[in-house]
Amino acid sequence: MGLKPLDLKKIQEIAGNTYEAIVIMAKRARQVNDERKIMFNKRLDEVRALKAQQQQGKEEEPVRILDDEKTPKAPPEQLQIAEEFDLMPKPADVAIEEYLSGKLEWSYSRDKDEERRRR
């Protein structure tokens, strides 16, 4: 994936200034990352539950997959899920695209102390 230049003037037009735009995009990128983390953990839990059901039928201890250095290796299902998530666009790229296409909405909340000072 190559680098793409961003038009700073367009970024400033939308939010008002560059710092504000960066904060907005960073918060959205964190949201995207958190959503993906939840989705990833949910998928892993499903795989673990399926494995547990399969192992209940067997009374043997589960076979551990070891690599050449005799260290435990991740199960293939877990690796497949991780690869799927690796192929997704990066959260920062998603946030930038949403910001530039006008899909993001934001508002400002006043700090309670600031409101008290203004009264």
PDB file of N, CA and C in Angstrom:
ATOM      1  N   MET A   1       0.847  -1.171   0.000  1.00  0.00           N
ATOM      2  CA  MET A   1       0.000   0.000   0.000  1.00  0.00           C
ATOM      3  C   MET A   1       0.889   1.230   0.000  1.00  0.00           C
ATOM      4  N   GLY A   2       0.677   2.091  -0.957  1.00  0.00           N
ATOM      5  CA  GLY A   2       1.487   3.290  -1.079  1.00  0.00           C
ATOM      6  C   GLY A   2       0.939   4.436  -0.252  1.00  0.00           C
ATOM      7  N   LEU A   3       1.727   5.466  -0.174  1.00  0.00           N
ATOM      8  CA  LEU A   3       1.306   6.660   0.541  1.00  0.00           C
ATOM      9  C   LEU A   3       0.455   7.534  -0.363  1.00  0.00           C
ATOM     10  N   LYS A   4      -0.567   8.148   0.235  1.00  0.00           N
ATOM     11  CA  LYS A   4      -1.410   9.057  -0.527  1.00  0.00           C
ATOM     12  C   LYS A   4      -1.296  10.448   0.091  1.00  0.00           C
ATOM     13  N   PRO A   5      -1.012  11.446  -0.712  1.00  0.00           N
ATOM     14  CA  PRO A   5      -0.973  12.802  -0.163  1.00  0.00           C
ATOM     15  C   PRO A   5      -2.390  13.280   0.149  1.00  0.00           C
ATOM     16  N   LEU A   6      -2.518  14.046   1.197  1.00  0.00           N
ATOM     17  CA  LEU A   6      -3.814  14.601   1.584  1.00  0.00           C
ATOM     18  C   LEU A   6      -3.815  16.097   1.340  1.00  0.00           C
ATOM     19  N   ASP A   7      -4.929  16.610   0.883  1.00  0.00           N
ATOM     20  CA  ASP A   7      -5.077  18.030   0.633  1.00  0.00           C
ATOM     21  C   ASP A   7      -5.402  18.730   1.957  1.00  0.00           C
ATOM     22  N   LEU A   8      -4.418  19.412   2.532  1.00  0.00           N
ATOM     23  CA  LEU A   8      -4.623  20.060   3.828  1.00  0.00           C
ATOM     24  C   LEU A   8      -5.664  21.168   3.780  1.00  0.00           C
ATOM     25  N   LYS A   9      -5.777  21.825   2.640  1.00  0.00           N
ATOM     26  CA  LYS A   9      -6.784  22.884   2.536  1.00  0.00           C
ATOM     27  C   LYS A   9      -8.190  22.315   2.642  1.00  0.00           C
ATOM     28  N   LYS A  10      -8.412  21.165   2.022  1.00  0.00           N
ATOM     29  CA  LYS A  10      -9.724  20.529   2.121  1.00  0.00           C
ATOM     30  C   LYS A  10      -9.992  20.075   3.551  1.00  0.00           C
ATOM     31  N   ILE A  11      -8.968  19.566   4.195  1.00  0.00           N
ATOM     32  CA  ILE A  11      -9.112  19.131   5.589  1.00  0.00           C
ATOM     33  C   ILE A  11      -9.463  20.318   6.479  1.00  0.00           C
ATOM     34  N   GLN A  12      -8.815  21.434   6.278  1.00  0.00           N
ATOM     35  CA  GLN A  12      -9.081  22.621   7.085  1.00  0.00           C
ATOM     36  C   GLN A  12     -10.458  23.209   6.795  1.00  0.00           C
ATOM     37  N   GLU A  13     -10.909  23.134   5.560  1.00  0.00           N
ATOM     38  CA  GLU A  13     -12.220  23.673   5.199  1.00  0.00           C
ATOM     39  C   GLU A  13     -13.341  22.981   5.966  1.00  0.00           C
ATOM     40  N   ILE A  14     -13.211  21.690   6.161  1.00  0.00           N
ATOM     41  CA  ILE A  14     -14.274  20.918   6.800  1.00  0.00           C
ATOM     42  C   ILE A  14     -14.369  21.236   8.288  1.00  0.00           C
ATOM     43  N   ALA A  15     -13.260  21.247   8.986  1.00  0.00           N
ATOM     44  CA  ALA A  15     -13.287  21.391  10.440  1.00  0.00           C
ATOM     45  C   ALA A  15     -12.963  22.792  10.925  1.00  0.00           C
ATOM     46  N   GLY A  16     -12.247  23.549  10.189  1.00  0.00           N
ATOM     47  CA  GLY A  16     -11.874  24.874  10.649  1.00  0.00           C
ATOM     48  C   GLY A  16     -10.375  25.038  10.791  1.00  0.00           C
ATOM     49  N   ASN A  17      -9.708  24.045  11.366  1.00  0.00           N
ATOM     50  CA  ASN A  17      -8.246  24.082  11.438  1.00  0.00           C
ATOM     51  C   ASN A  17      -7.694  22.662  11.440  1.00  0.00           C
ATOM     52  N   THR A  18      -6.426  22.554  11.192  1.00  0.00           N
ATOM     53  CA  THR A  18      -5.787  21.249  11.028  1.00  0.00           C
ATOM     54  C   THR A  18      -5.814  20.434  12.319  1.00  0.00           C
ATOM     55  N   TYR A  19      -5.512  21.071  13.449  1.00  0.00           N
ATOM     56  CA  TYR A  19      -5.483  20.358  14.725  1.00  0.00           C
ATOM     57  C   TYR A  19      -6.851  19.748  15.018  1.00  0.00           C
ATOM     58  N   GLU A  20      -7.896  20.537  14.827  1.00  0.00           N
ATOM     59  CA  GLU A  20      -9.251  20.063  15.081  1.00  0.00           C
ATOM     60  C   GLU A  20      -9.569  18.855  14.198  1.00  0.00           C
ATOM     61  N   ALA A  21      -9.189  18.921  12.937  1.00  0.00           N
ATOM     62  CA  ALA A  21      -9.436  17.823  12.004  1.00  0.00           C
ATOM     63  C   ALA A  21      -8.692  16.556  12.428  1.00  0.00           C
ATOM     64  N   ILE A  22      -7.462  16.726  12.875  1.00  0.00           N
ATOM     65  CA  ILE A  22      -6.666  15.568  13.306  1.00  0.00           C
ATOM     66  C   ILE A  22      -7.300  14.917  14.527  1.00  0.00           C
ATOM     67  N   VAL A  23      -7.775  15.714  15.456  1.00  0.00           N
ATOM     68  CA  VAL A  23      -8.422  15.173  16.655  1.00  0.00           C
ATOM     69  C   VAL A  23      -9.683  14.399  16.265  1.00  0.00           C
ATOM     70  N   ILE A  24     -10.470  14.957  15.366  1.00  0.00           N
ATOM     71  CA  ILE A  24     -11.702  14.298  14.923  1.00  0.00           C
ATOM     72  C   ILE A  24     -11.384  12.961  14.263  1.00  0.00           C
ATOM     73  N   MET A  25     -10.412  12.955  13.363  1.00  0.00           N
ATOM     74  CA  MET A  25     -10.055  11.718  12.663  1.00  0.00           C
ATOM     75  C   MET A  25      -9.434  10.696  13.619  1.00  0.00           C
ATOM     76  N   ALA A  26      -8.651  11.159  14.573  1.00  0.00           N
ATOM     77  CA  ALA A  26      -8.029  10.243  15.532  1.00  0.00           C
ATOM     78  C   ALA A  26      -9.084   9.572  16.418  1.00  0.00           C
ATOM     79  N   LYS A  27     -10.073  10.342  16.847  1.00  0.00           N
ATOM     80  CA  LYS A  27     -11.135   9.757  17.674  1.00  0.00           C
ATOM     81  C   LYS A  27     -11.933   8.736  16.880  1.00  0.00           C
ATOM     82  N   ARG A  28     -12.206   9.036  15.629  1.00  0.00           N
ATOM     83  CA  ARG A  28     -12.937   8.083  14.789  1.00  0.00           C
ATOM     84  C   ARG A  28     -12.098   6.832  14.545  1.00  0.00           C
ATOM     85  N   ALA A  29     -10.811   6.986  14.337  1.00  0.00           N
ATOM     86  CA  ALA A  29      -9.935   5.823  14.134  1.00  0.00           C
ATOM     87  C   ALA A  29      -9.938   4.930  15.372  1.00  0.00           C
ATOM     88  N   ARG A  30      -9.944   5.538  16.563  1.00  0.00           N
ATOM     89  CA  ARG A  30     -10.027   4.751  17.799  1.00  0.00           C
ATOM     90  C   ARG A  30     -11.348   3.988  17.875  1.00  0.00           C
ATOM     91  N   GLN A  31     -12.437   4.636  17.458  1.00  0.00           N
ATOM     92  CA  GLN A  31     -13.739   3.963  17.457  1.00  0.00           C
ATOM     93  C   GLN A  31     -13.723   2.760  16.513  1.00  0.00           C
ATOM     94  N   VAL A  32     -13.195   2.948  15.328  1.00  0.00           N
ATOM     95  CA  VAL A  32     -13.115   1.859  14.351  1.00  0.00           C
ATOM     96  C   VAL A  32     -12.275   0.724  14.921  1.00  0.00           C
ATOM     97  N   ASN A  33     -11.149   1.050  15.525  1.00  0.00           N
ATOM     98  CA  ASN A  33     -10.276   0.040  16.115  1.00  0.00           C
ATOM     99  C   ASN A  33     -10.993  -0.717  17.239  1.00  0.00           C
ATOM    100  N   ASP A  34     -11.703   0.000  18.097  1.00  0.00           N
ATOM    101  CA  ASP A  34     -12.438  -0.651  19.188  1.00  0.00           C
ATOM    102  C   ASP A  34     -13.535  -1.566  18.655  1.00  0.00           C
ATOM    103  N   GLU A  35     -14.242  -1.123  17.610  1.00  0.00           N
ATOM    104  CA  GLU A  35     -15.280  -1.958  17.005  1.00  0.00           C
ATOM    105  C   GLU A  35     -14.681  -3.240  16.437  1.00  0.00           C
ATOM    106  N   ARG A  36     -13.543  -3.110  15.790  1.00  0.00           N
ATOM    107  CA  ARG A  36     -12.884  -4.289  15.219  1.00  0.00           C
ATOM    108  C   ARG A  36     -12.375  -5.232  16.304  1.00  0.00           C
ATOM    109  N   LYS A  37     -11.872  -4.661  17.382  1.00  0.00           N
ATOM    110  CA  LYS A  37     -11.377  -5.496  18.482  1.00  0.00           C
ATOM    111  C   LYS A  37     -12.518  -6.327  19.065  1.00  0.00           C
ATOM    112  N   ILE A  38     -13.681  -5.702  19.232  1.00  0.00           N
ATOM    113  CA  ILE A  38     -14.846  -6.417  19.749  1.00  0.00           C
ATOM    114  C   ILE A  38     -15.252  -7.526  18.783  1.00  0.00           C
ATOM    115  N   MET A  39     -15.289  -7.205  17.490  1.00  0.00           N
ATOM    116  CA  MET A  39     -15.653  -8.184  16.471  1.00  0.00           C
ATOM    117  C   MET A  39     -14.639  -9.335  16.437  1.00  0.00           C
ATOM    118  N   PHE A  40     -13.360  -9.009  16.520  1.00  0.00           N
ATOM    119  CA  PHE A  40     -12.298 -10.023  16.506  1.00  0.00           C
ATOM    120  C   PHE A  40     -12.435 -10.955  17.709  1.00  0.00           C
ATOM    121  N   ASN A  41     -12.611 -10.384  18.899  1.00  0.00           N
ATOM    122  CA  ASN A  41     -12.741 -11.208  20.102  1.00  0.00           C
ATOM    123  C   ASN A  41     -13.994 -12.065  20.063  1.00  0.00           C
ATOM    124  N   LYS A  42     -15.069 -11.541  19.485  1.00  0.00           N
ATOM    125  CA  LYS A  42     -16.303 -12.311  19.357  1.00  0.00           C
ATOM    126  C   LYS A  42     -16.075 -13.521  18.461  1.00  0.00           C
ATOM    127  N   ARG A  43     -15.396 -13.312  17.331  1.00  0.00           N
ATOM    128  CA  ARG A  43     -15.105 -14.419  16.421  1.00  0.00           C
ATOM    129  C   ARG A  43     -14.203 -15.457  17.089  1.00  0.00           C
ATOM    130  N   LEU A  44     -13.197 -14.994  17.845  1.00  0.00           N
ATOM    131  CA  LEU A  44     -12.319 -15.944  18.549  1.00  0.00           C
ATOM    132  C   LEU A  44     -13.085 -16.737  19.600  1.00  0.00           C
ATOM    133  N   ASP A  45     -13.998 -16.079  20.304  1.00  0.00           N
ATOM    134  CA  ASP A  45     -14.810 -16.777  21.302  1.00  0.00           C
ATOM    135  C   ASP A  45     -15.674 -17.856  20.651  1.00  0.00           C
ATOM    136  N   GLU A  46     -16.203 -17.558  19.459  1.00  0.00           N
ATOM    137  CA  GLU A  46     -16.994 -18.557  18.736  1.00  0.00           C
ATOM    138  C   GLU A  46     -16.146 -19.764  18.375  1.00  0.00           C
ATOM    139  N   VAL A  47     -14.926 -19.519  17.923  1.00  0.00           N
ATOM    140  CA  VAL A  47     -14.019 -20.618  17.562  1.00  0.00           C
ATOM    141  C   VAL A  47     -13.664 -21.427  18.805  1.00  0.00           C
ATOM    142  N   ARG A  48     -13.384 -20.743  19.897  1.00  0.00           N
ATOM    143  CA  ARG A  48     -13.047 -21.453  21.145  1.00  0.00           C
ATOM    144  C   ARG A  48     -14.218 -22.287  21.649  1.00  0.00           C
ATOM    145  N   ALA A  49     -15.432 -21.749  21.545  1.00  0.00           N
ATOM    146  CA  ALA A  49     -16.615 -22.484  21.980  1.00  0.00           C
ATOM    147  C   ALA A  49     -16.816 -23.729  21.127  1.00  0.00           C
ATOM    148  N   LEU A  50     -16.609 -23.596  19.833  1.00  0.00           N
ATOM    149  CA  LEU A  50     -16.736 -24.735  18.928  1.00  0.00           C
ATOM    150  C   LEU A  50     -15.694 -25.796  19.262  1.00  0.00           C
ATOM    151  N   LYS A  51     -14.467 -25.369  19.499  1.00  0.00           N
ATOM    152  CA  LYS A  51     -13.397 -26.304  19.885  1.00  0.00           C
ATOM    153  C   LYS A  51     -13.740 -27.016  21.192  1.00  0.00           C
ATOM    154  N   ALA A  52     -14.284 -26.259  22.153  1.00  0.00           N
ATOM    155  CA  ALA A  52     -14.640 -26.849  23.454  1.00  0.00           C
ATOM    156  C   ALA A  52     -15.727 -27.903  23.285  1.00  0.00           C
ATOM    157  N   GLN A  53     -16.696 -27.638  22.415  1.00  0.00           N
ATOM    158  CA  GLN A  53     -17.753 -28.621  22.161  1.00  0.00           C
ATOM    159  C   GLN A  53     -17.177 -29.876  21.526  1.00  0.00           C
ATOM    160  N   GLN A  54     -16.247 -29.701  20.605  1.00  0.00           N
ATOM    161  CA  GLN A  54     -15.630 -30.843  19.945  1.00  0.00           C
ATOM    162  C   GLN A  54     -14.807 -31.666  20.924  1.00  0.00           C
ATOM    163  N   GLN A  55     -14.152 -30.993  21.854  1.00  0.00           N
ATOM    164  CA  GLN A  55     -13.296 -31.694  22.803  1.00  0.00           C
ATOM    165  C   GLN A  55     -14.094 -32.379  23.899  1.00  0.00           C
ATOM    166  N   GLN A  56     -15.323 -31.947  24.135  1.00  0.00           N
ATOM    167  CA  GLN A  56     -16.144 -32.603  25.151  1.00  0.00           C
ATOM    168  C   GLN A  56     -16.466 -34.033  24.740  1.00  0.00           C
ATOM    169  N   GLY A  57     -16.580 -34.249  23.441  1.00  0.00           N
ATOM    170  CA  GLY A  57     -16.829 -35.588  22.935  1.00  0.00           C
ATOM    171  C   GLY A  57     -15.616 -36.480  23.081  1.00  0.00           C
ATOM    172  N   LYS A  58     -14.455 -35.890  23.105  1.00  0.00           N
ATOM    173  CA  LYS A  58     -13.208 -36.643  23.257  1.00  0.00           C
ATOM    174  C   LYS A  58     -12.722 -36.471  24.690  1.00  0.00           C
ATOM    175  N   GLU A  59     -12.276 -37.561  25.284  1.00  0.00           N
ATOM    176  CA  GLU A  59     -11.782 -37.464  26.651  1.00  0.00           C
ATOM    177  C   GLU A  59     -10.269 -37.312  26.704  1.00  0.00           C
ATOM    178  N   GLU A  60      -9.641 -37.315  25.537  1.00  0.00           N
ATOM    179  CA  GLU A  60      -8.194 -37.153  25.495  1.00  0.00           C
ATOM    180  C   GLU A  60      -7.823 -35.693  25.719  1.00  0.00           C
ATOM    181  N   GLU A  61      -6.592 -35.499  26.106  1.00  0.00           N
ATOM    182  CA  GLU A  61      -6.088 -34.133  26.212  1.00  0.00           C
ATOM    183  C   GLU A  61      -5.870 -33.601  24.806  1.00  0.00           C
ATOM    184  N   PRO A  62      -6.190 -32.318  24.568  1.00  0.00           N
ATOM    185  CA  PRO A  62      -6.043 -31.774  23.216  1.00  0.00           C
ATOM    186  C   PRO A  62      -4.595 -31.823  22.736  1.00  0.00           C
ATOM    187  N   VAL A  63      -4.441 -32.104  21.460  1.00  0.00           N
ATOM    188  CA  VAL A  63      -3.115 -32.146  20.859  1.00  0.00           C
ATOM    189  C   VAL A  63      -2.657 -30.716  20.629  1.00  0.00           C
ATOM    190  N   ARG A  64      -1.484 -30.393  21.115  1.00  0.00           N
ATOM    191  CA  ARG A  64      -0.946 -29.048  20.930  1.00  0.00           C
ATOM    192  C   ARG A  64      -0.053 -29.036  19.707  1.00  0.00           C
ATOM    193  N   ILE A  65      -0.258 -28.042  18.889  1.00  0.00           N
ATOM    194  CA  ILE A  65       0.558 -27.892  17.692  1.00  0.00           C
ATOM    195  C   ILE A  65       1.817 -27.133  18.079  1.00  0.00           C
ATOM    196  N   LEU A  66       2.981 -27.731  17.787  1.00  0.00           N
ATOM    197  CA  LEU A  66       4.249 -27.109  18.129  1.00  0.00           C
ATOM    198  C   LEU A  66       5.019 -26.805  16.852  1.00  0.00           C
ATOM    199  N   ASP A  67       5.761 -25.721  16.888  1.00  0.00           N
ATOM    200  CA  ASP A  67       6.603 -25.403  15.730  1.00  0.00           C
ATOM    201  C   ASP A  67       7.980 -26.031  15.932  1.00  0.00           C
ATOM    202  N   ASP A  68       8.917 -25.682  15.075  1.00  0.00           N
ATOM    203  CA  ASP A  68      10.258 -26.282  15.127  1.00  0.00           C
ATOM    204  C   ASP A  68      10.969 -26.036  16.455  1.00  0.00           C
ATOM    205  N   GLU A  69      10.665 -24.944  17.112  1.00  0.00           N
ATOM    206  CA  GLU A  69      11.322 -24.613  18.370  1.00  0.00           C
ATOM    207  C   GLU A  69      10.575 -25.168  19.579  1.00  0.00           C
ATOM    208  N   LYS A  70       9.578 -26.011  19.334  1.00  0.00           N
ATOM    209  CA  LYS A  70       8.780 -26.653  20.381  1.00  0.00           C
ATOM    210  C   LYS A  70       7.992 -25.647  21.219  1.00  0.00           C
ATOM    211  N   THR A  71       7.540 -24.579  20.579  1.00  0.00           N
ATOM    212  CA  THR A  71       6.675 -23.621  21.260  1.00  0.00           C
ATOM    213  C   THR A  71       5.273 -23.748  20.684  1.00  0.00           C
ATOM    214  N   PRO A  72       4.243 -23.529  21.501  1.00  0.00           N
ATOM    215  CA  PRO A  72       2.876 -23.666  21.002  1.00  0.00           C
ATOM    216  C   PRO A  72       2.615 -22.700  19.848  1.00  0.00           C
ATOM    217  N   LYS A  73       1.877 -23.174  18.870  1.00  0.00           N
ATOM    218  CA  LYS A  73       1.533 -22.391  17.695  1.00  0.00           C
ATOM    219  C   LYS A  73       0.032 -22.147  17.705  1.00  0.00           C
ATOM    220  N   ALA A  74      -0.399 -21.026  17.172  1.00  0.00           N
ATOM    221  CA  ALA A  74      -1.824 -20.701  17.146  1.00  0.00           C
ATOM    222  C   ALA A  74      -2.567 -21.675  16.241  1.00  0.00           C
ATOM    223  N   PRO A  75      -3.810 -21.996  16.608  1.00  0.00           N
ATOM    224  CA  PRO A  75      -4.608 -22.889  15.751  1.00  0.00           C
ATOM    225  C   PRO A  75      -4.880 -22.252  14.395  1.00  0.00           C
ATOM    226  N   PRO A  76      -5.069 -23.053  13.364  1.00  0.00           N
ATOM    227  CA  PRO A  76      -5.287 -22.515  12.008  1.00  0.00           C
ATOM    228  C   PRO A  76      -6.503 -21.593  11.910  1.00  0.00           C
ATOM    229  N   GLU A  77      -7.574 -21.917  12.659  1.00  0.00           N
ATOM    230  CA  GLU A  77      -8.776 -21.080  12.619  1.00  0.00           C
ATOM    231  C   GLU A  77      -8.469 -19.677  13.134  1.00  0.00           C
ATOM    232  N   GLN A  78      -7.694 -19.607  14.184  1.00  0.00           N
ATOM    233  CA  GLN A  78      -7.323 -18.316  14.762  1.00  0.00           C
ATOM    234  C   GLN A  78      -6.442 -17.526  13.793  1.00  0.00           C
ATOM    235  N   LEU A  79      -5.537 -18.204  13.126  1.00  0.00           N
ATOM    236  CA  LEU A  79      -4.681 -17.542  12.140  1.00  0.00           C
ATOM    237  C   LEU A  79      -5.495 -17.013  10.961  1.00  0.00           C
ATOM    238  N   GLN A  80      -6.501 -17.783  10.534  1.00  0.00           N
ATOM    239  CA  GLN A  80      -7.342 -17.356   9.432  1.00  0.00           C
ATOM    240  C   GLN A  80      -8.119 -16.089   9.800  1.00  0.00           C
ATOM    241  N   ILE A  81      -8.655 -16.035  11.002  1.00  0.00           N
ATOM    242  CA  ILE A  81      -9.386 -14.851  11.465  1.00  0.00           C
ATOM    243  C   ILE A  81      -8.444 -13.651  11.523  1.00  0.00           C
ATOM    244  N   ALA A  82      -7.243 -13.852  12.044  1.00  0.00           N
ATOM    245  CA  ALA A  82      -6.267 -12.766  12.141  1.00  0.00           C
ATOM    246  C   ALA A  82      -5.893 -12.247  10.753  1.00  0.00           C
ATOM    247  N   GLU A  83      -5.742 -13.149   9.787  1.00  0.00           N
ATOM    248  CA  GLU A  83      -5.408 -12.731   8.426  1.00  0.00           C
ATOM    249  C   GLU A  83      -6.538 -11.913   7.800  1.00  0.00           C
ATOM    250  N   GLU A  84      -7.791 -12.310   8.071  1.00  0.00           N
ATOM    251  CA  GLU A  84      -8.934 -11.548   7.559  1.00  0.00           C
ATOM    252  C   GLU A  84      -8.908 -10.116   8.085  1.00  0.00           C
ATOM    253  N   PHE A  85      -8.619  -9.976   9.363  1.00  0.00           N
ATOM    254  CA  PHE A  85      -8.593  -8.650   9.962  1.00  0.00           C
ATOM    255  C   PHE A  85      -7.393  -7.845   9.477  1.00  0.00           C
ATOM    256  N   ASP A  86      -6.287  -8.517   9.180  1.00  0.00           N
ATOM    257  CA  ASP A  86      -5.113  -7.821   8.655  1.00  0.00           C
ATOM    258  C   ASP A  86      -5.359  -7.252   7.264  1.00  0.00           C
ATOM    259  N   LEU A  87      -6.240  -7.890   6.499  1.00  0.00           N
ATOM    260  CA  LEU A  87      -6.530  -7.429   5.149  1.00  0.00           C
ATOM    261  C   LEU A  87      -7.481  -6.228   5.118  1.00  0.00           C
ATOM    262  N   MET A  88      -8.130  -5.957   6.228  1.00  0.00           N
ATOM    263  CA  MET A  88      -9.038  -4.801   6.293  1.00  0.00           C
ATOM    264  C   MET A  88      -8.227  -3.505   6.237  1.00  0.00           C
ATOM    265  N   PRO A  89      -8.848  -2.435   5.719  1.00  0.00           N
ATOM    266  CA  PRO A  89      -8.125  -1.156   5.713  1.00  0.00           C
ATOM    267  C   PRO A  89      -7.837  -0.704   7.151  1.00  0.00           C
ATOM    268  N   LYS A  90      -6.755  -0.001   7.321  1.00  0.00           N
ATOM    269  CA  LYS A  90      -6.350   0.467   8.642  1.00  0.00           C
ATOM    270  C   LYS A  90      -7.371   1.466   9.184  1.00  0.00           C
ATOM    271  N   PRO A  91      -7.586   1.471  10.503  1.00  0.00           N
ATOM    272  CA  PRO A  91      -8.563   2.393  11.096  1.00  0.00           C
ATOM    273  C   PRO A  91      -8.303   3.857  10.740  1.00  0.00           C
ATOM    274  N   ALA A  92      -7.054   4.260  10.667  1.00  0.00           N
ATOM    275  CA  ALA A  92      -6.747   5.654  10.313  1.00  0.00           C
ATOM    276  C   ALA A  92      -7.182   5.952   8.878  1.00  0.00           C
ATOM    277  N   ASP A  93      -6.986   5.007   7.974  1.00  0.00           N
ATOM    278  CA  ASP A  93      -7.420   5.196   6.589  1.00  0.00           C
ATOM    279  C   ASP A  93      -8.938   5.312   6.497  1.00  0.00           C
ATOM    280  N   VAL A  94      -9.640   4.487   7.265  1.00  0.00           N
ATOM    281  CA  VAL A  94     -11.105   4.547   7.289  1.00  0.00           C
ATOM    282  C   VAL A  94     -11.559   5.909   7.801  1.00  0.00           C
ATOM    283  N   ALA A  95     -10.944   6.376   8.889  1.00  0.00           N
ATOM    284  CA  ALA A  95     -11.321   7.658   9.482  1.00  0.00           C
ATOM    285  C   ALA A  95     -11.064   8.815   8.522  1.00  0.00           C
ATOM    286  N   ILE A  96      -9.936   8.796   7.848  1.00  0.00           N
ATOM    287  CA  ILE A  96      -9.613   9.862   6.892  1.00  0.00           C
ATOM    288  C   ILE A  96     -10.620   9.872   5.747  1.00  0.00           C
ATOM    289  N   GLU A  97     -10.919   8.702   5.219  1.00  0.00           N
ATOM    290  CA  GLU A  97     -11.873   8.607   4.115  1.00  0.00           C
ATOM    291  C   GLU A  97     -13.255   9.102   4.540  1.00  0.00           C
ATOM    292  N   GLU A  98     -13.713   8.695   5.717  1.00  0.00           N
ATOM    293  CA  GLU A  98     -15.017   9.146   6.213  1.00  0.00           C
ATOM    294  C   GLU A  98     -15.027  10.656   6.421  1.00  0.00           C
ATOM    295  N   TYR A  99     -13.947  11.183   6.933  1.00  0.00           N
ATOM    296  CA  TYR A  99     -13.854  12.622   7.182  1.00  0.00           C
ATOM    297  C   TYR A  99     -13.918  13.401   5.867  1.00  0.00           C
ATOM    298  N   LEU A 100     -13.109  13.002   4.897  1.00  0.00           N
ATOM    299  CA  LEU A 100     -13.042  13.723   3.633  1.00  0.00           C
ATOM    300  C   LEU A 100     -14.319  13.590   2.798  1.00  0.00           C
ATOM    301  N   SER A 101     -15.044  12.486   2.978  1.00  0.00           N
ATOM    302  CA  SER A 101     -16.283  12.301   2.215  1.00  0.00           C
ATOM    303  C   SER A 101     -17.492  12.900   2.927  1.00  0.00           C
ATOM    304  N   GLY A 102     -17.279  13.474   4.119  1.00  0.00           N
ATOM    305  CA  GLY A 102     -18.366  14.141   4.832  1.00  0.00           C
ATOM    306  C   GLY A 102     -19.283  13.202   5.596  1.00  0.00           C
ATOM    307  N   LYS A 103     -18.836  11.997   5.869  1.00  0.00           N
ATOM    308  CA  LYS A 103     -19.662  11.021   6.582  1.00  0.00           C
ATOM    309  C   LYS A 103     -19.589  11.169   8.101  1.00  0.00           C
ATOM    310  N   LEU A 104     -18.635  11.932   8.600  1.00  0.00           N
ATOM    311  CA  LEU A 104     -18.485  12.091  10.046  1.00  0.00           C
ATOM    312  C   LEU A 104     -19.270  13.294  10.538  1.00  0.00           C
ATOM    313  N   GLU A 105     -19.893  13.107  11.694  1.00  0.00           N
ATOM    314  CA  GLU A 105     -20.561  14.213  12.376  1.00  0.00           C
ATOM    315  C   GLU A 105     -19.934  14.314  13.756  1.00  0.00           C
ATOM    316  N   TRP A 106     -19.762  15.531  14.216  1.00  0.00           N
ATOM    317  CA  TRP A 106     -19.187  15.728  15.547  1.00  0.00           C
ATOM    318  C   TRP A 106     -19.813  16.955  16.177  1.00  0.00           C
ATOM    319  N   SER A 107     -19.725  16.976  17.482  1.00  0.00           N
ATOM    320  CA  SER A 107     -20.223  18.141  18.217  1.00  0.00           C
ATOM    321  C   SER A 107     -19.278  18.389  19.377  1.00  0.00           C
ATOM    322  N   TYR A 108     -19.430  19.541  19.967  1.00  0.00           N
ATOM    323  CA  TYR A 108     -18.556  19.927  21.060  1.00  0.00           C
ATOM    324  C   TYR A 108     -19.364  19.952  22.345  1.00  0.00           C
ATOM    325  N   SER A 109     -18.785  19.414  23.388  1.00  0.00           N
ATOM    326  CA  SER A 109     -19.442  19.479  24.685  1.00  0.00           C
ATOM    327  C   SER A 109     -18.627  20.403  25.571  1.00  0.00           C
ATOM    328  N   ARG A 110     -19.317  21.205  26.301  1.00  0.00           N
ATOM    329  CA  ARG A 110     -18.617  22.131  27.186  1.00  0.00           C
ATOM    330  C   ARG A 110     -18.243  21.438  28.476  1.00  0.00           C
ATOM    331  N   ASP A 111     -17.145  21.808  28.988  1.00  0.00           N
ATOM    332  CA  ASP A 111     -16.684  21.304  30.263  1.00  0.00           C
ATOM    333  C   ASP A 111     -17.542  21.934  31.363  1.00  0.00           C
ATOM    334  N   LYS A 112     -17.916  21.169  32.369  1.00  0.00           N
ATOM    335  CA  LYS A 112     -18.775  21.686  33.434  1.00  0.00           C
ATOM    336  C   LYS A 112     -18.121  22.860  34.160  1.00  0.00           C
ATOM    337  N   ASP A 113     -16.824  22.781  34.406  1.00  0.00           N
ATOM    338  CA  ASP A 113     -16.130  23.881  35.081  1.00  0.00           C
ATOM    339  C   ASP A 113     -16.146  25.146  34.225  1.00  0.00           C
ATOM    340  N   GLU A 114     -16.004  24.957  32.918  1.00  0.00           N
ATOM    341  CA  GLU A 114     -16.021  26.108  32.015  1.00  0.00           C
ATOM    342  C   GLU A 114     -17.394  26.771  32.029  1.00  0.00           C
ATOM    343  N   GLU A 115     -18.443  25.980  32.077  1.00  0.00           N
ATOM    344  CA  GLU A 115     -19.802  26.535  32.130  1.00  0.00           C
ATOM    345  C   GLU A 115     -20.013  27.319  33.420  1.00  0.00           C
ATOM    346  N   ARG A 116     -19.501  26.812  34.516  1.00  0.00           N
ATOM    347  CA  ARG A 116     -19.657  27.498  35.801  1.00  0.00           C
ATOM    348  C   ARG A 116     -18.915  28.844  35.774  1.00  0.00           C
ATOM    349  N   ARG A 117     -17.743  28.876  35.152  1.00  0.00           N
ATOM    350  CA  ARG A 117     -16.984  30.125  35.083  1.00  0.00           C
ATOM    351  C   ARG A 117     -17.676  31.161  34.244  1.00  0.00           C
ATOM    352  N   ARG A 118     -18.395  30.735  33.230  1.00  0.00           N
ATOM    353  CA  ARG A 118     -19.063  31.683  32.342  1.00  0.00           C
ATOM    354  C   ARG A 118     -20.308  32.303  32.983  1.00  0.00           C
ATOM    355  N   ARG A 119     -20.849  31.701  33.997  1.00  0.00           N
ATOM    356  CA  ARG A 119     -22.083  32.222  34.627  1.00  0.00           C
ATOM    357  C   ARG A 119     -21.825  33.407  35.484  1.00  0.00           C
TER     358      ARG A 119
END
